[in-house]
N, C-alpha and C. Protein backbone atom coordinates (compact mmCIF):
# COMPACT_ATOMS: atom_id res chain seq x y z
N MET A 1 1.18 53.32 -24.38
CA MET A 1 1.83 52.73 -23.25
C MET A 1 2.71 51.60 -23.74
N ASP A 2 3.84 51.47 -23.17
CA ASP A 2 4.81 50.46 -23.56
C ASP A 2 4.46 49.14 -22.89
N GLN A 3 4.27 48.06 -23.70
CA GLN A 3 3.95 46.75 -23.15
C GLN A 3 5.19 45.88 -23.18
N ARG A 4 5.48 45.26 -22.09
CA ARG A 4 6.59 44.32 -22.04
C ARG A 4 6.24 43.22 -21.06
N GLU A 5 6.83 42.08 -21.29
CA GLU A 5 6.57 40.94 -20.43
C GLU A 5 7.43 41.06 -19.17
N VAL A 6 6.74 40.85 -18.04
CA VAL A 6 7.42 40.95 -16.75
C VAL A 6 7.17 39.65 -16.01
N GLY A 7 8.20 39.04 -15.44
CA GLY A 7 8.04 37.82 -14.66
C GLY A 7 7.33 38.11 -13.36
N SER A 8 6.65 37.11 -12.83
CA SER A 8 5.88 37.31 -11.60
C SER A 8 6.78 37.63 -10.40
N GLN A 9 8.04 37.21 -10.44
CA GLN A 9 8.94 37.49 -9.33
C GLN A 9 9.32 38.98 -9.29
N SER A 10 9.08 39.68 -10.39
CA SER A 10 9.42 41.10 -10.44
C SER A 10 8.28 41.98 -9.95
N LEU A 11 7.10 41.43 -9.77
CA LEU A 11 5.95 42.21 -9.33
C LEU A 11 5.94 42.36 -7.82
N ARG A 12 5.50 43.51 -7.38
CA ARG A 12 5.35 43.71 -5.94
C ARG A 12 4.15 44.61 -5.69
N LEU A 13 3.56 44.48 -4.53
CA LEU A 13 2.38 45.23 -4.16
C LEU A 13 2.79 46.63 -3.73
N ILE A 14 2.22 47.62 -4.37
CA ILE A 14 2.55 49.00 -4.03
C ILE A 14 1.57 49.53 -2.99
N SER A 15 0.27 49.21 -3.18
CA SER A 15 -0.74 49.70 -2.26
C SER A 15 -1.77 48.61 -2.07
N SER A 16 -2.27 48.45 -0.86
CA SER A 16 -3.29 47.45 -0.59
C SER A 16 -4.69 48.05 -0.58
N GLU A 17 -4.81 49.34 -0.95
CA GLU A 17 -6.12 49.99 -0.95
C GLU A 17 -7.07 49.36 -1.96
N ASN A 18 -6.60 49.02 -3.14
CA ASN A 18 -7.45 48.48 -4.20
C ASN A 18 -7.34 46.96 -4.31
N ALA A 19 -6.71 46.34 -3.36
CA ALA A 19 -6.55 44.89 -3.42
C ALA A 19 -7.89 44.21 -3.21
N VAL A 20 -8.11 43.12 -3.91
CA VAL A 20 -9.36 42.37 -3.81
C VAL A 20 -9.27 41.47 -2.60
N LYS A 21 -10.25 41.59 -1.71
CA LYS A 21 -10.28 40.76 -0.51
C LYS A 21 -11.17 39.55 -0.78
N PRO A 22 -10.74 38.37 -0.34
CA PRO A 22 -11.59 37.18 -0.58
C PRO A 22 -12.84 37.23 0.28
N ASP A 23 -13.90 36.64 -0.26
CA ASP A 23 -15.14 36.52 0.50
C ASP A 23 -14.88 35.72 1.76
N SER A 24 -15.51 36.10 2.84
CA SER A 24 -15.33 35.32 4.07
C SER A 24 -15.95 33.94 3.91
N ALA A 25 -17.01 33.82 3.12
CA ALA A 25 -17.64 32.52 2.90
C ALA A 25 -16.71 31.59 2.13
N SER A 26 -16.06 32.10 1.09
CA SER A 26 -15.17 31.24 0.32
C SER A 26 -13.93 30.87 1.11
N ALA A 27 -13.49 31.74 1.99
CA ALA A 27 -12.34 31.41 2.84
C ALA A 27 -12.70 30.31 3.82
N ASN A 28 -13.93 30.32 4.32
CA ASN A 28 -14.36 29.26 5.25
C ASN A 28 -14.55 27.94 4.53
N ASP A 29 -14.96 27.98 3.26
CA ASP A 29 -15.18 26.75 2.51
C ASP A 29 -13.90 25.95 2.34
N THR A 30 -12.78 26.64 2.20
CA THR A 30 -11.53 25.91 2.00
C THR A 30 -11.13 25.16 3.25
N ASN A 31 -11.52 25.65 4.41
CA ASN A 31 -11.20 24.95 5.66
C ASN A 31 -12.13 23.77 5.93
N ASN A 32 -13.33 23.78 5.33
CA ASN A 32 -14.32 22.74 5.60
C ASN A 32 -14.50 21.77 4.44
N ASP A 33 -13.50 21.66 3.58
CA ASP A 33 -13.61 20.73 2.45
C ASP A 33 -13.68 19.30 2.98
N PHE A 34 -14.57 18.53 2.36
CA PHE A 34 -14.68 17.12 2.68
C PHE A 34 -14.17 16.32 1.50
N TYR A 35 -13.35 15.32 1.79
CA TYR A 35 -12.90 14.41 0.76
C TYR A 35 -13.72 13.14 0.91
N GLU A 36 -14.04 12.54 -0.22
CA GLU A 36 -14.88 11.35 -0.19
C GLU A 36 -14.03 10.12 0.07
N VAL A 37 -14.47 9.30 1.01
CA VAL A 37 -13.75 8.07 1.37
C VAL A 37 -14.08 7.00 0.35
N GLN A 38 -13.03 6.38 -0.20
CA GLN A 38 -13.25 5.23 -1.08
C GLN A 38 -13.42 3.99 -0.22
N SER A 39 -12.48 3.77 0.70
CA SER A 39 -12.59 2.64 1.62
C SER A 39 -11.58 2.82 2.75
N ILE A 40 -11.80 2.06 3.79
CA ILE A 40 -10.82 1.97 4.88
C ILE A 40 -10.01 0.72 4.60
N VAL A 41 -8.68 0.88 4.58
CA VAL A 41 -7.79 -0.20 4.18
C VAL A 41 -7.33 -1.03 5.37
N SER A 42 -7.00 -0.38 6.47
CA SER A 42 -6.53 -1.10 7.66
C SER A 42 -6.73 -0.22 8.89
N HIS A 43 -6.34 -0.74 10.02
CA HIS A 43 -6.42 0.03 11.25
C HIS A 43 -5.21 -0.27 12.11
N LYS A 44 -4.97 0.58 13.09
CA LYS A 44 -3.92 0.32 14.07
C LYS A 44 -4.37 0.90 15.40
N GLY A 45 -3.82 0.36 16.46
CA GLY A 45 -4.19 0.76 17.80
C GLY A 45 -4.52 -0.46 18.63
N ASN A 46 -4.47 -0.31 19.93
CA ASN A 46 -4.71 -1.45 20.81
C ASN A 46 -6.04 -1.37 21.54
N ASN A 47 -6.81 -0.35 21.30
CA ASN A 47 -8.08 -0.18 21.99
C ASN A 47 -9.08 0.41 21.00
N PRO A 48 -10.28 -0.16 20.89
CA PRO A 48 -11.25 0.36 19.92
C PRO A 48 -11.56 1.85 20.08
N THR A 49 -11.35 2.40 21.25
CA THR A 49 -11.64 3.83 21.43
C THR A 49 -10.56 4.72 20.82
N ASN A 50 -9.37 4.17 20.58
CA ASN A 50 -8.32 5.00 19.98
C ASN A 50 -7.74 4.40 18.70
N TYR A 51 -8.54 3.64 17.95
CA TYR A 51 -8.09 3.11 16.67
C TYR A 51 -7.84 4.25 15.69
N LEU A 52 -6.83 4.08 14.87
CA LEU A 52 -6.62 4.95 13.72
C LEU A 52 -6.89 4.10 12.49
N TYR A 53 -7.61 4.66 11.54
CA TYR A 53 -7.99 3.94 10.33
C TYR A 53 -7.23 4.50 9.14
N ARG A 54 -6.66 3.61 8.33
CA ARG A 54 -5.96 4.03 7.12
C ARG A 54 -7.01 4.19 6.03
N VAL A 55 -7.17 5.42 5.54
CA VAL A 55 -8.25 5.77 4.63
C VAL A 55 -7.70 5.93 3.21
N ARG A 56 -8.35 5.26 2.26
CA ARG A 56 -8.08 5.45 0.83
C ARG A 56 -9.11 6.43 0.33
N TRP A 57 -8.64 7.57 -0.19
CA TRP A 57 -9.53 8.63 -0.63
C TRP A 57 -9.94 8.40 -2.08
N LYS A 58 -11.18 8.69 -2.38
CA LYS A 58 -11.70 8.48 -3.73
C LYS A 58 -10.99 9.42 -4.71
N GLY A 59 -10.51 8.83 -5.81
CA GLY A 59 -9.81 9.61 -6.82
C GLY A 59 -8.33 9.81 -6.53
N HIS A 60 -7.82 9.21 -5.46
CA HIS A 60 -6.42 9.35 -5.09
C HIS A 60 -5.76 7.97 -5.03
N THR A 61 -4.44 7.94 -5.05
CA THR A 61 -3.70 6.68 -5.02
C THR A 61 -3.40 6.27 -3.59
N GLU A 62 -2.81 5.08 -3.43
CA GLU A 62 -2.48 4.61 -2.08
C GLU A 62 -1.38 5.45 -1.44
N ASP A 63 -0.63 6.18 -2.25
CA ASP A 63 0.39 7.09 -1.68
C ASP A 63 -0.26 8.22 -0.90
N ASP A 64 -1.52 8.51 -1.20
CA ASP A 64 -2.24 9.60 -0.53
C ASP A 64 -3.05 9.11 0.67
N ASP A 65 -2.97 7.83 1.03
CA ASP A 65 -3.70 7.30 2.19
C ASP A 65 -3.26 8.04 3.45
N THR A 66 -4.21 8.24 4.36
CA THR A 66 -3.90 8.89 5.62
C THR A 66 -4.48 8.09 6.77
N TRP A 67 -3.91 8.27 7.96
CA TRP A 67 -4.42 7.64 9.18
C TRP A 67 -5.34 8.64 9.85
N GLU A 68 -6.59 8.23 10.05
CA GLU A 68 -7.60 9.12 10.63
C GLU A 68 -8.25 8.47 11.84
N PRO A 69 -8.51 9.23 12.91
CA PRO A 69 -9.28 8.68 14.04
C PRO A 69 -10.75 8.61 13.68
N SER A 70 -11.49 7.81 14.39
CA SER A 70 -12.91 7.64 14.08
C SER A 70 -13.69 8.94 14.24
N SER A 71 -13.19 9.85 15.04
CA SER A 71 -13.89 11.13 15.23
C SER A 71 -13.87 12.00 13.98
N HIS A 72 -13.00 11.71 13.01
CA HIS A 72 -12.94 12.50 11.79
C HIS A 72 -13.96 12.07 10.74
N PHE A 73 -14.70 11.00 11.02
CA PHE A 73 -15.71 10.53 10.08
C PHE A 73 -17.05 11.15 10.46
N PRO A 74 -17.79 11.70 9.49
CA PRO A 74 -19.08 12.31 9.82
C PRO A 74 -20.11 11.28 10.28
N ASP A 75 -20.00 10.04 9.79
CA ASP A 75 -20.84 8.95 10.28
C ASP A 75 -20.00 7.69 10.32
N LYS A 76 -20.55 6.64 10.86
CA LYS A 76 -19.78 5.41 11.07
C LYS A 76 -19.96 4.40 9.95
N TYR A 77 -20.54 4.79 8.82
CA TYR A 77 -20.83 3.87 7.72
C TYR A 77 -19.56 3.16 7.23
N HIS A 78 -18.52 3.90 6.91
CA HIS A 78 -17.30 3.30 6.36
C HIS A 78 -16.58 2.43 7.39
N ILE A 79 -16.64 2.83 8.64
CA ILE A 79 -16.01 2.02 9.69
C ILE A 79 -16.76 0.70 9.84
N GLU A 80 -18.09 0.73 9.83
CA GLU A 80 -18.88 -0.51 9.92
C GLU A 80 -18.63 -1.42 8.73
N ARG A 81 -18.55 -0.84 7.53
CA ARG A 81 -18.26 -1.64 6.33
C ARG A 81 -16.88 -2.29 6.43
N TYR A 82 -15.90 -1.55 6.96
CA TYR A 82 -14.55 -2.10 7.12
C TYR A 82 -14.58 -3.32 8.03
N TRP A 83 -15.26 -3.22 9.17
CA TRP A 83 -15.29 -4.33 10.12
C TRP A 83 -16.10 -5.51 9.58
N GLU A 84 -17.16 -5.24 8.81
CA GLU A 84 -17.90 -6.33 8.17
C GLU A 84 -17.00 -7.09 7.21
N ARG A 85 -16.26 -6.34 6.40
CA ARG A 85 -15.36 -6.95 5.44
C ARG A 85 -14.25 -7.72 6.17
N ARG A 86 -13.70 -7.14 7.19
CA ARG A 86 -12.60 -7.75 7.93
C ARG A 86 -13.05 -9.02 8.65
N ASN A 87 -14.23 -8.98 9.24
CA ASN A 87 -14.73 -10.15 9.98
C ASN A 87 -15.20 -11.26 9.06
N SER A 88 -15.43 -10.96 7.78
CA SER A 88 -15.85 -12.01 6.86
C SER A 88 -14.67 -12.80 6.32
N LEU A 89 -13.45 -12.35 6.61
CA LEU A 89 -12.26 -13.08 6.16
C LEU A 89 -11.85 -14.10 7.22
N THR A 90 -11.48 -15.28 6.77
CA THR A 90 -10.97 -16.29 7.70
C THR A 90 -9.49 -16.03 7.93
N THR A 91 -8.89 -16.81 8.80
CA THR A 91 -7.47 -16.63 9.07
C THR A 91 -6.61 -16.95 7.87
N SER A 92 -7.10 -17.77 6.94
CA SER A 92 -6.33 -18.09 5.75
C SER A 92 -6.44 -17.00 4.69
N GLY A 93 -7.29 -15.99 4.93
CA GLY A 93 -7.43 -14.89 4.00
C GLY A 93 -8.49 -15.13 2.93
N THR A 94 -9.21 -16.26 3.01
CA THR A 94 -10.26 -16.51 2.04
C THR A 94 -11.59 -16.03 2.59
N LEU A 95 -12.50 -15.75 1.70
CA LEU A 95 -13.80 -15.24 2.11
C LEU A 95 -14.64 -16.36 2.70
N ARG A 96 -15.16 -16.11 3.90
CA ARG A 96 -16.02 -17.09 4.56
C ARG A 96 -17.46 -16.83 4.15
N LEU A 97 -18.16 -17.87 3.77
CA LEU A 97 -19.56 -17.73 3.37
C LEU A 97 -20.43 -17.56 4.61
N PRO A 98 -21.62 -17.01 4.44
CA PRO A 98 -22.52 -16.89 5.59
C PRO A 98 -22.80 -18.25 6.22
N LYS A 99 -23.12 -18.27 7.50
CA LYS A 99 -23.31 -19.53 8.22
C LYS A 99 -24.41 -20.39 7.61
N THR A 100 -25.43 -19.79 7.05
CA THR A 100 -26.51 -20.59 6.47
C THR A 100 -26.02 -21.38 5.27
N VAL A 101 -25.03 -20.87 4.55
CA VAL A 101 -24.48 -21.58 3.41
C VAL A 101 -23.50 -22.65 3.88
N ASN A 102 -22.74 -22.34 4.92
CA ASN A 102 -21.76 -23.29 5.43
C ASN A 102 -22.40 -24.49 6.12
N ALA A 103 -23.58 -24.32 6.66
CA ALA A 103 -24.23 -25.41 7.38
C ALA A 103 -24.69 -26.46 6.37
N ARG A 104 -24.09 -27.61 6.42
CA ARG A 104 -24.40 -28.68 5.48
C ARG A 104 -25.39 -29.63 6.14
N HIS A 105 -26.44 -29.94 5.42
CA HIS A 105 -27.42 -30.87 5.95
C HIS A 105 -26.94 -32.29 5.70
N ILE A 106 -26.74 -33.03 6.76
CA ILE A 106 -26.33 -34.43 6.65
C ILE A 106 -27.57 -35.27 6.93
N PRO A 107 -28.02 -36.01 5.91
CA PRO A 107 -29.25 -36.79 6.10
C PRO A 107 -29.03 -37.90 7.12
N ASP A 108 -30.07 -38.13 7.90
CA ASP A 108 -29.98 -39.23 8.87
C ASP A 108 -30.34 -40.55 8.17
N ARG A 109 -30.35 -41.61 8.92
CA ARG A 109 -30.53 -42.96 8.36
C ARG A 109 -31.87 -43.13 7.65
N THR A 110 -32.94 -42.59 8.24
CA THR A 110 -34.26 -42.76 7.62
C THR A 110 -34.35 -41.97 6.31
N GLU A 111 -33.75 -40.79 6.26
CA GLU A 111 -33.77 -40.01 5.01
C GLU A 111 -33.01 -40.74 3.90
N ARG A 112 -31.86 -41.31 4.23
CA ARG A 112 -31.09 -42.07 3.24
C ARG A 112 -31.88 -43.28 2.76
N HIS A 113 -32.54 -43.96 3.70
CA HIS A 113 -33.35 -45.14 3.36
C HIS A 113 -34.50 -44.75 2.42
N ASP A 114 -35.19 -43.67 2.76
CA ASP A 114 -36.32 -43.23 1.93
C ASP A 114 -35.87 -42.85 0.53
N LYS A 115 -34.71 -42.21 0.43
CA LYS A 115 -34.19 -41.80 -0.88
C LYS A 115 -33.87 -43.04 -1.73
N ARG A 116 -33.20 -44.04 -1.12
CA ARG A 116 -32.87 -45.27 -1.85
C ARG A 116 -34.14 -46.00 -2.27
N LYS A 117 -35.11 -46.03 -1.38
CA LYS A 117 -36.37 -46.72 -1.66
C LYS A 117 -37.09 -46.06 -2.84
N SER A 118 -37.10 -44.72 -2.86
CA SER A 118 -37.78 -44.01 -3.96
C SER A 118 -37.06 -44.25 -5.29
N ARG A 119 -35.72 -44.37 -5.25
CA ARG A 119 -34.99 -44.66 -6.49
C ARG A 119 -35.32 -46.07 -7.00
N ARG A 120 -35.43 -47.03 -6.07
CA ARG A 120 -35.77 -48.40 -6.46
C ARG A 120 -37.18 -48.48 -7.05
N ILE A 121 -38.10 -47.77 -6.45
CA ILE A 121 -39.48 -47.78 -6.93
C ILE A 121 -39.55 -47.16 -8.32
N ASN A 122 -38.84 -46.01 -8.51
CA ASN A 122 -38.83 -45.36 -9.81
C ASN A 122 -38.17 -46.23 -10.87
N ALA A 123 -37.15 -46.96 -10.52
CA ALA A 123 -36.46 -47.83 -11.48
C ALA A 123 -37.34 -49.01 -11.88
N SER A 124 -38.12 -49.53 -10.94
CA SER A 124 -38.95 -50.69 -11.27
C SER A 124 -40.20 -50.30 -12.05
N THR A 125 -40.69 -49.07 -11.90
CA THR A 125 -41.89 -48.64 -12.63
C THR A 125 -41.58 -48.06 -13.99
N SER A 126 -40.35 -47.69 -14.23
CA SER A 126 -40.00 -47.11 -15.54
C SER A 126 -39.95 -48.24 -16.58
N PRO A 127 -40.39 -47.96 -17.79
CA PRO A 127 -40.41 -49.00 -18.84
C PRO A 127 -39.00 -49.43 -19.20
N ALA A 128 -38.83 -50.70 -19.44
CA ALA A 128 -37.53 -51.25 -19.80
C ALA A 128 -37.21 -50.91 -21.23
N LYS A 129 -35.96 -50.71 -21.52
CA LYS A 129 -35.54 -50.33 -22.87
C LYS A 129 -35.13 -51.52 -23.65
């Protein structure tokens, strides 16, 4: 038999009797592919019920980001993480510490007095150099 190279544009289907048909399961898998969310970058919309979230997909660049409604997420984990991150930022764009860290204890007059008194007592009892 004579072998020669033929370009793919020159090939055509003569008969579909022997054609390989794809599995119905594999055909369904292509429609149900899930892409893994890396993070939600931003949102848009004027009502929480119709927000669209800009999604950064894992393994893809920001050029591949898409706007997705909340109904496209199998669970609300990434949406909750986005709002936690967003609410932890102040208006200046810096990270706000938890309230327990921000709450500064200001000693009252008696606490200041007791502290000074203890320093004086320690200074008088320590041996002189």
